[in-house]
Amino acid sequence: MTSTTIATTTAKEIASEFLPRIRIYKDGTVERLMGSPYVPPSPHDPQTRVSSKDFTFSHNPNISARLYLPNVPQNQTQKLPILVYFHGGAFCIESAFSFLDHRYLNRLVSEAQVIAVSVEYRLAPENPLPIAYEDCWVALQWVTSHANNEELDDNKEPWLLNYGDFDRLYIGGDSAGGNIAHNLAMKVGAESLSGAVKILGAFLSHSYFWGSKPIGSEPKGEDFEKTTEYKLWDFVYPSAPGGIDNPMVNPAGEGAPSLAGLGCSKLLVCVAGKDQLRDRGVWYCDLVRESGWKGEVELFEVEGEDHCFHIFSETETENVKKMIKRLASFLV
């Protein structure tokens, strides 16, 4: 064996894995084994007639978003609700620019008639948590900075200035993105957004919450600690104080702030009957109701479906339509 071959073999030695999603090599490279391909934005989606474009609003660090605008009449003067959206993917795969999220947001934006801003936050393990939370907070502050500024400059987006109704601002996400939406709603409850904008509502769909003790139908004993949900948190946030009971993943963990501090007026929690995260979603909804929070909370369940079925489904089945319509009716 030549020295060159030895060097190459050593360079590609595996350091760690989080199968089936990701592999990290000792040379520092990261291989993502799952995730849908990137697709470009579309000036006019042929199925939904939704327009999309990409915008980089922060250069240090580099953070961007894909914006979506429904098909609106040229003479329309009525402003549209705004959704700041956080994609799923276990904090380590997928993208605001990936095929699955692009198709999903075209469907949702068309049905709901909202402007959507899908945030391209940085991913673990190269950028471990809490970086994703920080990026999404910067994105939310950038969106609300348009509220009282009618002048276009290099860091302003004309769709938000011309069409956005900042009295109807929503945040939402699926899976890891639902976790992000919860944590940002908590942060908004403690800190002000630029432009003094308030969040009207948040949807948390199939959200990733977990903890050190099983609840409901979750696996018991050693099997619980072998679950993907249990092991994921340490992979994406190895320095998390309190580990899997950190309040950002366990809203009832030690030292967690009261959910009465959620910084929105209404909350929609979506679960799927066959999803391993289902019981955590129901539990979270109950925690909010018991917290003394003054807003309106609703639990919406689609039975017989698995995790994020409405994103993965190639066709618009009756349950996909039901899910999209429920999200859309929330965003009014």
C-alpha atoms as a PDB file:
ATOM      1  CA  MET A   1       0.000   0.000   0.000  1.00  0.00           C
ATOM      2  CA  THR A   2       1.435   3.388  -0.945  1.00  0.00           C
ATOM      3  CA  SER A   3       1.704   6.330   1.403  1.00  0.00           C
ATOM      4  CA  THR A   4      -0.865   8.200  -0.705  1.00  0.00           C
ATOM      5  CA  THR A   5      -3.401   5.424  -0.209  1.00  0.00           C
ATOM      6  CA  ILE A   6      -2.754   5.391   3.530  1.00  0.00           C
ATOM      7  CA  ALA A   7      -3.318   9.146   3.730  1.00  0.00           C
ATOM      8  CA  THR A   8      -6.574   8.890   1.804  1.00  0.00           C
ATOM      9  CA  THR A   9      -7.849   6.028   3.935  1.00  0.00           C
ATOM     10  CA  THR A  10      -7.008   7.875   7.133  1.00  0.00           C
ATOM     11  CA  ALA A  11      -8.610  11.070   5.875  1.00  0.00           C
ATOM     12  CA  LYS A  12     -11.955   9.321   5.308  1.00  0.00           C
ATOM     13  CA  GLU A  13     -12.004   7.466   8.613  1.00  0.00           C
ATOM     14  CA  ILE A  14     -15.373   7.882  10.299  1.00  0.00           C
ATOM     15  CA  ALA A  15     -15.333   9.946  13.482  1.00  0.00           C
ATOM     16  CA  SER A  16     -19.021   9.638  14.376  1.00  0.00           C
ATOM     17  CA  GLU A  17     -22.408   8.934  12.841  1.00  0.00           C
ATOM     18  CA  PHE A  18     -26.042   9.737  13.429  1.00  0.00           C
ATOM     19  CA  LEU A  19     -27.593   7.128  11.182  1.00  0.00           C
ATOM     20  CA  PRO A  20     -29.464   7.141   8.910  1.00  0.00           C
ATOM     21  CA  ARG A  21     -29.068  10.913   8.613  1.00  0.00           C
ATOM     22  CA  ILE A  22     -25.439  11.933   8.795  1.00  0.00           C
ATOM     23  CA  ARG A  23     -21.808  10.800   8.931  1.00  0.00           C
ATOM     24  CA  ILE A  24     -18.812  12.799  10.173  1.00  0.00           C
ATOM     25  CA  TYR A  25     -15.266  11.943   9.103  1.00  0.00           C
ATOM     26  CA  LYS A  26     -12.055  12.554  11.024  1.00  0.00           C
ATOM     27  CA  ASP A  27     -10.891  14.988   8.338  1.00  0.00           C
ATOM     28  CA  GLY A  28     -13.814  17.213   9.361  1.00  0.00           C
ATOM     29  CA  THR A  29     -16.042  16.574   6.356  1.00  0.00           C
ATOM     30  CA  VAL A  30     -19.723  15.914   6.908  1.00  0.00           C
ATOM     31  CA  GLU A  31     -21.780  13.643   4.681  1.00  0.00           C
ATOM     32  CA  ARG A  32     -25.568  14.042   4.766  1.00  0.00           C
ATOM     33  CA  LEU A  33     -27.162  10.712   3.917  1.00  0.00           C
ATOM     34  CA  MET A  34     -30.741  11.992   3.896  1.00  0.00           C
ATOM     35  CA  GLY A  35     -32.479  15.119   2.688  1.00  0.00           C
ATOM     36  CA  SER A  36     -34.166  16.213  -0.511  1.00  0.00           C
ATOM     37  CA  PRO A  37     -32.220  18.024  -3.254  1.00  0.00           C
ATOM     38  CA  TYR A  38     -31.962  21.783  -3.484  1.00  0.00           C
ATOM     39  CA  VAL A  39     -34.284  23.444  -6.000  1.00  0.00           C
ATOM     40  CA  PRO A  40     -34.200  27.032  -7.277  1.00  0.00           C
ATOM     41  CA  PRO A  41     -36.929  29.543  -6.442  1.00  0.00           C
ATOM     42  CA  SER A  42     -39.675  29.940  -9.023  1.00  0.00           C
ATOM     43  CA  PRO A  43     -40.949  33.250 -10.427  1.00  0.00           C
ATOM     44  CA  HIS A  44     -44.287  31.516 -11.017  1.00  0.00           C
ATOM     45  CA  ASP A  45     -44.921  27.961  -9.778  1.00  0.00           C
ATOM     46  CA  PRO A  46     -46.984  26.189 -12.461  1.00  0.00           C
ATOM     47  CA  GLN A  47     -49.162  24.253  -9.978  1.00  0.00           C
ATOM     48  CA  THR A  48     -49.918  26.947  -7.404  1.00  0.00           C
ATOM     49  CA  ARG A  49     -48.968  30.196  -9.228  1.00  0.00           C
ATOM     50  CA  VAL A  50     -46.952  31.138  -6.129  1.00  0.00           C
ATOM     51  CA  SER A  51     -43.806  33.222  -6.725  1.00  0.00           C
ATOM     52  CA  SER A  52     -40.606  32.682  -4.736  1.00  0.00           C
ATOM     53  CA  LYS A  53     -37.165  34.235  -4.462  1.00  0.00           C
ATOM     54  CA  ASP A  54     -34.112  34.047  -2.202  1.00  0.00           C
ATOM     55  CA  PHE A  55     -32.697  36.884  -0.125  1.00  0.00           C
ATOM     56  CA  THR A  56     -29.535  37.084   2.006  1.00  0.00           C
ATOM     57  CA  PHE A  57     -30.234  39.484   4.875  1.00  0.00           C
ATOM     58  CA  SER A  58     -27.152  38.824   7.020  1.00  0.00           C
ATOM     59  CA  HIS A  59     -23.589  38.519   5.752  1.00  0.00           C
ATOM     60  CA  ASN A  60     -21.790  38.029   9.054  1.00  0.00           C
ATOM     61  CA  PRO A  61     -22.931  35.376   9.761  1.00  0.00           C
ATOM     62  CA  ASN A  62     -24.383  34.415   6.391  1.00  0.00           C
ATOM     63  CA  ILE A  63     -28.149  33.875   6.822  1.00  0.00           C
ATOM     64  CA  SER A  64     -30.699  33.825   4.040  1.00  0.00           C
ATOM     65  CA  ALA A  65     -34.330  32.927   3.396  1.00  0.00           C
ATOM     66  CA  ARG A  66     -36.684  31.890   0.642  1.00  0.00           C
ATOM     67  CA  LEU A  67     -39.675  34.215   0.318  1.00  0.00           C
ATOM     68  CA  TYR A  68     -43.037  33.187  -1.106  1.00  0.00           C
ATOM     69  CA  LEU A  69     -45.786  35.424  -2.501  1.00  0.00           C
ATOM     70  CA  PRO A  70     -49.206  34.098  -3.512  1.00  0.00           C
ATOM     71  CA  ASN A  71     -50.760  35.022  -6.844  1.00  0.00           C
ATOM     72  CA  VAL A  72     -52.339  38.400  -6.056  1.00  0.00           C
ATOM     73  CA  PRO A  73     -54.130  40.757  -8.473  1.00  0.00           C
ATOM     74  CA  GLN A  74     -51.920  43.648  -9.602  1.00  0.00           C
ATOM     75  CA  ASN A  75     -54.386  46.199  -8.242  1.00  0.00           C
ATOM     76  CA  GLN A  76     -54.763  44.516  -4.832  1.00  0.00           C
ATOM     77  CA  THR A  77     -54.165  46.953  -1.979  1.00  0.00           C
ATOM     78  CA  GLN A  78     -55.122  44.709   0.951  1.00  0.00           C
ATOM     79  CA  LYS A  79     -52.047  43.552   2.855  1.00  0.00           C
ATOM     80  CA  LEU A  80     -51.357  39.858   3.501  1.00  0.00           C
ATOM     81  CA  PRO A  81     -50.513  37.968   6.705  1.00  0.00           C
ATOM     82  CA  ILE A  82     -46.832  37.082   7.136  1.00  0.00           C
ATOM     83  CA  LEU A  83     -45.526  33.663   8.140  1.00  0.00           C
ATOM     84  CA  VAL A  84     -41.921  33.251   9.294  1.00  0.00           C
ATOM     85  CA  TYR A  85     -41.323  29.538   8.828  1.00  0.00           C
ATOM     86  CA  PHE A  86     -38.663  27.184  10.251  1.00  0.00           C
ATOM     87  CA  HIS A  87     -38.064  23.925   8.377  1.00  0.00           C
ATOM     88  CA  GLY A  88     -37.632  20.495   9.938  1.00  0.00           C
ATOM     89  CA  GLY A  89     -34.802  17.992   9.532  1.00  0.00           C
ATOM     90  CA  ALA A  90     -33.564  17.185  13.052  1.00  0.00           C
ATOM     91  CA  PHE A  91     -31.501  20.418  13.085  1.00  0.00           C
ATOM     92  CA  CYS A  92     -28.955  18.692  10.845  1.00  0.00           C
ATOM     93  CA  ILE A  93     -30.496  18.004   7.409  1.00  0.00           C
ATOM     94  CA  GLU A  94     -32.897  19.645   4.927  1.00  0.00           C
ATOM     95  CA  SER A  95     -32.990  23.297   3.961  1.00  0.00           C
ATOM     96  CA  ALA A  96     -35.239  26.233   3.179  1.00  0.00           C
ATOM     97  CA  PHE A  97     -34.098  25.585  -0.411  1.00  0.00           C
ATOM     98  CA  SER A  98     -34.859  21.847  -0.491  1.00  0.00           C
ATOM     99  CA  PHE A  99     -37.461  20.274  -2.737  1.00  0.00           C
ATOM    100  CA  LEU A 100     -39.746  19.010   0.034  1.00  0.00           C
ATOM    101  CA  ASP A 101     -40.029  22.336   1.828  1.00  0.00           C
ATOM    102  CA  HIS A 102     -40.357  24.265  -1.423  1.00  0.00           C
ATOM    103  CA  ARG A 103     -43.295  22.095  -2.550  1.00  0.00           C
ATOM    104  CA  TYR A 104     -44.915  22.261   0.900  1.00  0.00           C
ATOM    105  CA  LEU A 105     -44.670  26.041   1.188  1.00  0.00           C
ATOM    106  CA  ASN A 106     -46.011  26.540  -2.337  1.00  0.00           C
ATOM    107  CA  ARG A 107     -49.070  24.522  -1.265  1.00  0.00           C
ATOM    108  CA  LEU A 108     -49.478  26.325   2.055  1.00  0.00           C
ATOM    109  CA  VAL A 109     -48.919  29.850   0.702  1.00  0.00           C
ATOM    110  CA  SER A 110     -51.411  29.254  -2.100  1.00  0.00           C
ATOM    111  CA  GLU A 111     -54.074  27.911   0.273  1.00  0.00           C
ATOM    112  CA  ALA A 112     -53.520  30.481   3.050  1.00  0.00           C
ATOM    113  CA  GLN A 113     -52.789  33.536   0.881  1.00  0.00           C
ATOM    114  CA  VAL A 114     -49.896  34.621   3.068  1.00  0.00           C
ATOM    115  CA  ILE A 115     -46.375  35.859   2.471  1.00  0.00           C
ATOM    116  CA  ALA A 116     -43.942  33.261   3.808  1.00  0.00           C
ATOM    117  CA  VAL A 117     -40.307  33.715   4.819  1.00  0.00           C
ATOM    118  CA  SER A 118     -38.609  30.317   5.119  1.00  0.00           C
ATOM    119  CA  VAL A 119     -35.393  30.706   7.106  1.00  0.00           C
ATOM    120  CA  GLU A 120     -32.150  29.037   5.999  1.00  0.00           C
ATOM    121  CA  TYR A 121     -30.623  28.604   9.455  1.00  0.00           C
ATOM    122  CA  ARG A 122     -27.226  26.956   9.907  1.00  0.00           C
ATOM    123  CA  LEU A 123     -27.196  23.232  10.634  1.00  0.00           C
ATOM    124  CA  ALA A 124     -25.534  20.980  13.198  1.00  0.00           C
ATOM    125  CA  PRO A 125     -23.068  19.369  13.631  1.00  0.00           C
ATOM    126  CA  GLU A 126     -20.895  22.004  11.915  1.00  0.00           C
ATOM    127  CA  ASN A 127     -22.963  24.652  13.688  1.00  0.00           C
ATOM    128  CA  PRO A 128     -24.319  23.057  16.869  1.00  0.00           C
ATOM    129  CA  LEU A 129     -27.279  24.487  18.751  1.00  0.00           C
ATOM    130  CA  PRO A 130     -28.019  27.116  19.910  1.00  0.00           C
ATOM    131  CA  ILE A 131     -26.812  28.597  16.566  1.00  0.00           C
ATOM    132  CA  ALA A 132     -30.040  27.651  14.724  1.00  0.00           C
ATOM    133  CA  TYR A 133     -32.104  29.484  17.363  1.00  0.00           C
ATOM    134  CA  GLU A 134     -29.868  32.536  17.063  1.00  0.00           C
ATOM    135  CA  ASP A 135     -30.118  32.572  13.245  1.00  0.00           C
ATOM    136  CA  CYS A 136     -33.913  32.306  13.366  1.00  0.00           C
ATOM    137  CA  TRP A 137     -34.102  35.144  15.894  1.00  0.00           C
ATOM    138  CA  VAL A 138     -32.001  37.339  13.572  1.00  0.00           C
ATOM    139  CA  ALA A 139     -34.356  36.398  10.727  1.00  0.00           C
ATOM    140  CA  LEU A 140     -37.458  37.260  12.753  1.00  0.00           C
ATOM    141  CA  GLN A 141     -35.964  40.626  13.761  1.00  0.00           C
ATOM    142  CA  TRP A 142     -35.097  41.307  10.108  1.00  0.00           C
ATOM    143  CA  VAL A 143     -38.684  40.610   9.022  1.00  0.00           C
ATOM    144  CA  THR A 144     -40.177  42.889  11.680  1.00  0.00           C
ATOM    145  CA  SER A 145     -37.687  45.657  10.829  1.00  0.00           C
ATOM    146  CA  HIS A 146     -39.853  46.274   7.733  1.00  0.00           C
ATOM    147  CA  ALA A 147     -42.893  47.232   9.822  1.00  0.00           C
ATOM    148  CA  ASN A 148     -42.297  50.961  10.211  1.00  0.00           C
ATOM    149  CA  ASN A 149     -39.948  51.515   7.284  1.00  0.00           C
ATOM    150  CA  GLU A 150     -41.493  52.202   3.881  1.00  0.00           C
ATOM    151  CA  GLU A 151     -38.176  53.004   2.230  1.00  0.00           C
ATOM    152  CA  LEU A 152     -36.360  50.320   0.283  1.00  0.00           C
ATOM    153  CA  ASP A 153     -32.671  49.868   1.003  1.00  0.00           C
ATOM    154  CA  ASP A 154     -30.189  47.074   0.324  1.00  0.00           C
ATOM    155  CA  ASN A 155     -31.355  45.036   3.311  1.00  0.00           C
ATOM    156  CA  LYS A 156     -35.107  45.490   2.790  1.00  0.00           C
ATOM    157  CA  GLU A 157     -37.335  43.175   0.798  1.00  0.00           C
ATOM    158  CA  PRO A 158     -40.043  44.866  -1.361  1.00  0.00           C
ATOM    159  CA  TRP A 159     -42.543  42.004  -0.954  1.00  0.00           C
ATOM    160  CA  LEU A 160     -42.573  42.558   2.814  1.00  0.00           C
ATOM    161  CA  LEU A 161     -42.790  46.343   2.461  1.00  0.00           C
ATOM    162  CA  ASN A 162     -45.501  46.293  -0.210  1.00  0.00           C
ATOM    163  CA  TYR A 163     -47.655  43.346   0.816  1.00  0.00           C
ATOM    164  CA  GLY A 164     -46.935  42.495   4.466  1.00  0.00           C
ATOM    165  CA  ASP A 165     -49.509  43.070   7.215  1.00  0.00           C
ATOM    166  CA  PHE A 166     -47.449  43.283  10.396  1.00  0.00           C
ATOM    167  CA  ASP A 167     -50.570  43.142  12.565  1.00  0.00           C
ATOM    168  CA  ARG A 168     -50.928  39.565  11.327  1.00  0.00           C
ATOM    169  CA  LEU A 169     -47.466  38.125  11.885  1.00  0.00           C
ATOM    170  CA  TYR A 170     -47.154  34.382  12.485  1.00  0.00           C
ATOM    171  CA  ILE A 171     -44.322  31.982  13.160  1.00  0.00           C
ATOM    172  CA  GLY A 172     -44.444  28.252  12.602  1.00  0.00           C
ATOM    173  CA  GLY A 173     -42.485  25.114  11.902  1.00  0.00           C
ATOM    174  CA  ASP A 174     -42.523  21.357  11.575  1.00  0.00           C
ATOM    175  CA  SER A 175     -40.545  18.858  13.681  1.00  0.00           C
ATOM    176  CA  ALA A 176     -37.271  20.612  14.649  1.00  0.00           C
ATOM    177  CA  GLY A 177     -38.860  23.747  13.178  1.00  0.00           C
ATOM    178  CA  GLY A 178     -41.776  23.417  15.580  1.00  0.00           C
ATOM    179  CA  ASN A 179     -39.263  23.291  18.425  1.00  0.00           C
ATOM    180  CA  ILE A 180     -37.674  26.476  17.054  1.00  0.00           C
ATOM    181  CA  ALA A 181     -41.085  28.170  16.803  1.00  0.00           C
ATOM    182  CA  HIS A 182     -41.774  27.367  20.477  1.00  0.00           C
ATOM    183  CA  ASN A 183     -38.408  28.694  21.629  1.00  0.00           C
ATOM    184  CA  LEU A 184     -38.769  31.888  19.612  1.00  0.00           C
ATOM    185  CA  ALA A 185     -42.283  32.431  20.975  1.00  0.00           C
ATOM    186  CA  MET A 186     -40.788  32.155  24.465  1.00  0.00           C
ATOM    187  CA  LYS A 187     -38.028  34.618  23.565  1.00  0.00           C
ATOM    188  CA  VAL A 188     -40.537  37.081  22.104  1.00  0.00           C
ATOM    189  CA  GLY A 189     -42.416  36.904  25.404  1.00  0.00           C
ATOM    190  CA  ALA A 190     -39.278  38.125  27.194  1.00  0.00           C
ATOM    191  CA  GLU A 191     -37.768  40.491  24.596  1.00  0.00           C
ATOM    192  CA  SER A 192     -39.150  43.006  22.117  1.00  0.00           C
ATOM    193  CA  LEU A 193     -39.136  42.609  18.361  1.00  0.00           C
ATOM    194  CA  SER A 194     -37.970  45.447  16.134  1.00  0.00           C
ATOM    195  CA  GLY A 195     -40.739  47.790  15.096  1.00  0.00           C
ATOM    196  CA  ALA A 196     -42.592  46.887  18.319  1.00  0.00           C
ATOM    197  CA  VAL A 197     -44.314  44.144  16.305  1.00  0.00           C
ATOM    198  CA  LYS A 198     -46.272  41.445  18.144  1.00  0.00           C
ATOM    199  CA  ILE A 199     -46.660  37.832  17.048  1.00  0.00           C
ATOM    200  CA  LEU A 200     -50.327  37.053  16.496  1.00  0.00           C
ATOM    201  CA  GLY A 201     -49.980  33.295  16.386  1.00  0.00           C
ATOM    202  CA  ALA A 202     -47.635  30.305  16.232  1.00  0.00           C
ATOM    203  CA  PHE A 203     -48.166  26.827  14.859  1.00  0.00           C
ATOM    204  CA  LEU A 204     -46.098  23.913  16.124  1.00  0.00           C
ATOM    205  CA  SER A 205     -46.463  20.889  13.866  1.00  0.00           C
ATOM    206  CA  HIS A 206     -45.164  17.416  14.882  1.00  0.00           C
ATOM    207  CA  SER A 207     -42.723  19.293  17.098  1.00  0.00           C
ATOM    208  CA  TYR A 208     -39.563  17.811  18.523  1.00  0.00           C
ATOM    209  CA  PHE A 209     -39.802  17.816  22.321  1.00  0.00           C
ATOM    210  CA  TRP A 210     -38.291  15.123  24.543  1.00  0.00           C
ATOM    211  CA  GLY A 211     -36.933  14.545  28.053  1.00  0.00           C
ATOM    212  CA  SER A 212     -35.216  12.038  30.322  1.00  0.00           C
ATOM    213  CA  LYS A 213     -38.447  10.244  31.325  1.00  0.00           C
ATOM    214  CA  PRO A 214     -40.889   8.577  28.912  1.00  0.00           C
ATOM    215  CA  ILE A 215     -44.511   9.680  28.762  1.00  0.00           C
ATOM    216  CA  GLY A 216     -47.590   8.037  27.265  1.00  0.00           C
ATOM    217  CA  SER A 217     -46.815   5.309  24.738  1.00  0.00           C
ATOM    218  CA  GLU A 218     -43.107   6.134  24.426  1.00  0.00           C
ATOM    219  CA  PRO A 219     -40.632   3.225  24.874  1.00  0.00           C
ATOM    220  CA  LYS A 220     -39.713   2.349  28.453  1.00  0.00           C
ATOM    221  CA  GLY A 221     -36.415   1.545  30.190  1.00  0.00           C
ATOM    222  CA  GLU A 222     -33.273   1.132  28.102  1.00  0.00           C
ATOM    223  CA  ASP A 223     -35.299   1.274  24.891  1.00  0.00           C
ATOM    224  CA  PHE A 224     -36.208   4.875  25.689  1.00  0.00           C
ATOM    225  CA  GLU A 225     -32.560   5.954  25.770  1.00  0.00           C
ATOM    226  CA  LYS A 226     -31.987   4.213  22.433  1.00  0.00           C
ATOM    227  CA  THR A 227     -34.648   6.275  20.653  1.00  0.00           C
ATOM    228  CA  THR A 228     -33.581   8.637  17.894  1.00  0.00           C
ATOM    229  CA  GLU A 229     -35.301  11.465  19.757  1.00  0.00           C
ATOM    230  CA  TYR A 230     -33.250  10.823  22.907  1.00  0.00           C
ATOM    231  CA  LYS A 231     -29.892  10.547  21.130  1.00  0.00           C
ATOM    232  CA  LEU A 232     -30.504  13.415  18.705  1.00  0.00           C
ATOM    233  CA  TRP A 233     -30.327  16.201  21.264  1.00  0.00           C
ATOM    234  CA  ASP A 234     -26.797  15.381  22.378  1.00  0.00           C
ATOM    235  CA  PHE A 235     -25.728  15.159  18.725  1.00  0.00           C
ATOM    236  CA  VAL A 236     -27.053  18.616  17.782  1.00  0.00           C
ATOM    237  CA  TYR A 237     -26.468  20.361  21.152  1.00  0.00           C
ATOM    238  CA  PRO A 238     -23.652  18.512  22.976  1.00  0.00           C
ATOM    239  CA  SER A 239     -23.034  21.420  25.369  1.00  0.00           C
ATOM    240  CA  ALA A 240     -26.699  21.836  26.395  1.00  0.00           C
ATOM    241  CA  PRO A 241     -26.985  22.575  30.128  1.00  0.00           C
ATOM    242  CA  GLY A 242     -29.122  19.827  31.643  1.00  0.00           C
ATOM    243  CA  GLY A 243     -28.771  17.611  28.591  1.00  0.00           C
ATOM    244  CA  ILE A 244     -32.039  16.122  27.341  1.00  0.00           C
ATOM    245  CA  ASP A 245     -33.944  18.002  30.075  1.00  0.00           C
ATOM    246  CA  ASN A 246     -32.726  21.382  28.826  1.00  0.00           C
ATOM    247  CA  PRO A 247     -35.824  23.636  28.643  1.00  0.00           C
ATOM    248  CA  MET A 248     -35.325  24.139  24.901  1.00  0.00           C
ATOM    249  CA  VAL A 249     -36.203  20.483  24.267  1.00  0.00           C
ATOM    250  CA  ASN A 250     -38.094  19.737  27.495  1.00  0.00           C
ATOM    251  CA  PRO A 251     -40.430  22.663  28.271  1.00  0.00           C
ATOM    252  CA  ALA A 252     -40.988  21.172  31.725  1.00  0.00           C
ATOM    253  CA  GLY A 253     -37.279  20.606  32.435  1.00  0.00           C
ATOM    254  CA  GLU A 254     -35.565  21.947  35.543  1.00  0.00           C
ATOM    255  CA  GLY A 255     -35.350  25.733  35.444  1.00  0.00           C
ATOM    256  CA  ALA A 256     -37.727  26.022  32.474  1.00  0.00           C
ATOM    257  CA  PRO A 257     -39.517  29.378  32.293  1.00  0.00           C
ATOM    258  CA  SER A 258     -43.296  29.347  32.675  1.00  0.00           C
ATOM    259  CA  LEU A 259     -45.173  28.726  29.435  1.00  0.00           C
ATOM    260  CA  ALA A 260     -47.452  31.560  30.524  1.00  0.00           C
ATOM    261  CA  GLY A 261     -44.718  33.736  28.989  1.00  0.00           C
ATOM    262  CA  LEU A 262     -45.375  32.601  25.400  1.00  0.00           C
ATOM    263  CA  GLY A 263     -45.204  35.744  23.271  1.00  0.00           C
ATOM    264  CA  CYS A 264     -48.174  35.202  20.962  1.00  0.00           C
ATOM    265  CA  SER A 265     -51.958  35.418  21.163  1.00  0.00           C
ATOM    266  CA  LYS A 266     -52.917  32.047  19.723  1.00  0.00           C
ATOM    267  CA  LEU A 267     -51.267  28.673  19.330  1.00  0.00           C
ATOM    268  CA  LEU A 268     -52.014  25.684  17.114  1.00  0.00           C
ATOM    269  CA  VAL A 269     -50.352  22.388  18.089  1.00  0.00           C
ATOM    270  CA  CYS A 270     -50.539  19.699  15.373  1.00  0.00           C
ATOM    271  CA  VAL A 271     -49.888  15.997  15.943  1.00  0.00           C
ATOM    272  CA  ALA A 272     -50.164  12.820  13.849  1.00  0.00           C
ATOM    273  CA  GLY A 273     -51.602   9.606  15.257  1.00  0.00           C
ATOM    274  CA  LYS A 274     -48.710   7.293  14.288  1.00  0.00           C
ATOM    275  CA  ASP A 275     -45.891   9.764  15.046  1.00  0.00           C
ATOM    276  CA  GLN A 276     -43.562   8.855  17.925  1.00  0.00           C
ATOM    277  CA  LEU A 277     -43.644  12.564  18.853  1.00  0.00           C
ATOM    278  CA  ARG A 278     -47.455  12.569  19.117  1.00  0.00           C
ATOM    279  CA  ASP A 279     -47.712  12.162  22.907  1.00  0.00           C
ATOM    280  CA  ARG A 280     -45.181  14.967  23.491  1.00  0.00           C
ATOM    281  CA  GLY A 281     -47.322  17.292  21.373  1.00  0.00           C
ATOM    282  CA  VAL A 282     -50.447  16.474  23.400  1.00  0.00           C
ATOM    283  CA  TRP A 283     -48.438  16.843  26.627  1.00  0.00           C
ATOM    284  CA  TYR A 284     -47.066  20.210  25.494  1.00  0.00           C
ATOM    285  CA  CYS A 285     -50.578  21.424  24.708  1.00  0.00           C
ATOM    286  CA  ASP A 286     -51.721  20.408  28.199  1.00  0.00           C
ATOM    287  CA  LEU A 287     -48.702  22.173  29.758  1.00  0.00           C
ATOM    288  CA  VAL A 288     -49.641  25.394  27.968  1.00  0.00           C
ATOM    289  CA  ARG A 289     -53.273  25.137  29.102  1.00  0.00           C
ATOM    290  CA  GLU A 290     -52.198  24.546  32.715  1.00  0.00           C
ATOM    291  CA  SER A 291     -49.630  27.364  32.722  1.00  0.00           C
ATOM    292  CA  GLY A 292     -52.058  30.261  32.994  1.00  0.00           C
ATOM    293  CA  TRP A 293     -51.150  31.520  29.517  1.00  0.00           C
ATOM    294  CA  LYS A 294     -53.775  34.051  28.398  1.00  0.00           C
ATOM    295  CA  GLY A 295     -53.896  33.069  24.725  1.00  0.00           C
ATOM    296  CA  GLU A 296     -55.982  30.546  22.787  1.00  0.00           C
ATOM    297  CA  VAL A 297     -54.474  27.077  22.272  1.00  0.00           C
ATOM    298  CA  GLU A 298     -55.863  24.312  20.053  1.00  0.00           C
ATOM    299  CA  LEU A 299     -54.723  20.738  19.466  1.00  0.00           C
ATOM    300  CA  PHE A 300     -55.239  19.361  15.937  1.00  0.00           C
ATOM    301  CA  GLU A 301     -54.666  15.653  15.288  1.00  0.00           C
ATOM    302  CA  VAL A 302     -54.685  13.735  12.028  1.00  0.00           C
ATOM    303  CA  GLU A 303     -55.147  10.065  12.886  1.00  0.00           C
ATOM    304  CA  GLY A 304     -53.493   7.245  10.961  1.00  0.00           C
ATOM    305  CA  GLU A 305     -50.616   9.400   9.701  1.00  0.00           C
ATOM    306  CA  ASP A 306     -46.920   9.507  10.550  1.00  0.00           C
ATOM    307  CA  HIS A 307     -44.381  12.242  11.188  1.00  0.00           C
ATOM    308  CA  CYS A 308     -44.627  15.206   8.778  1.00  0.00           C
ATOM    309  CA  PHE A 309     -46.765  13.200   6.339  1.00  0.00           C
ATOM    310  CA  HIS A 310     -48.045  16.450   4.800  1.00  0.00           C
ATOM    311  CA  ILE A 311     -44.501  17.364   3.724  1.00  0.00           C
ATOM    312  CA  PHE A 312     -43.332  13.940   2.559  1.00  0.00           C
ATOM    313  CA  SER A 313     -46.467  12.969   0.632  1.00  0.00           C
ATOM    314  CA  GLU A 314     -45.970  13.177  -3.124  1.00  0.00           C
ATOM    315  CA  THR A 315     -49.697  13.568  -3.739  1.00  0.00           C
ATOM    316  CA  GLU A 316     -52.258  15.770  -2.056  1.00  0.00           C
ATOM    317  CA  THR A 317     -54.200  13.029  -0.274  1.00  0.00           C
ATOM    318  CA  GLU A 318     -57.345  13.867   1.659  1.00  0.00           C
ATOM    319  CA  ASN A 319     -55.337  13.996   4.903  1.00  0.00           C
ATOM    320  CA  VAL A 320     -52.691  16.257   3.337  1.00  0.00           C
ATOM    321  CA  LYS A 321     -55.458  18.597   2.141  1.00  0.00           C
ATOM    322  CA  LYS A 322     -57.021  18.483   5.615  1.00  0.00           C
ATOM    323  CA  MET A 323     -53.701  19.407   7.237  1.00  0.00           C
ATOM    324  CA  ILE A 324     -52.912  22.223   4.792  1.00  0.00           C
ATOM    325  CA  LYS A 325     -56.434  23.658   5.124  1.00  0.00           C
ATOM    326  CA  ARG A 326     -56.206  23.643   8.933  1.00  0.00           C
ATOM    327  CA  LEU A 327     -52.858  25.450   8.892  1.00  0.00           C
ATOM    328  CA  ALA A 328     -54.202  27.917   6.328  1.00  0.00           C
ATOM    329  CA  SER A 329     -57.338  28.679   8.355  1.00  0.00           C
ATOM    330  CA  PHE A 330     -55.097  29.417  11.346  1.00  0.00           C
ATOM    331  CA  LEU A 331     -53.071  31.948   9.338  1.00  0.00           C
ATOM    332  CA  VAL A 332     -55.769  34.608   8.922  1.00  0.00           C
END
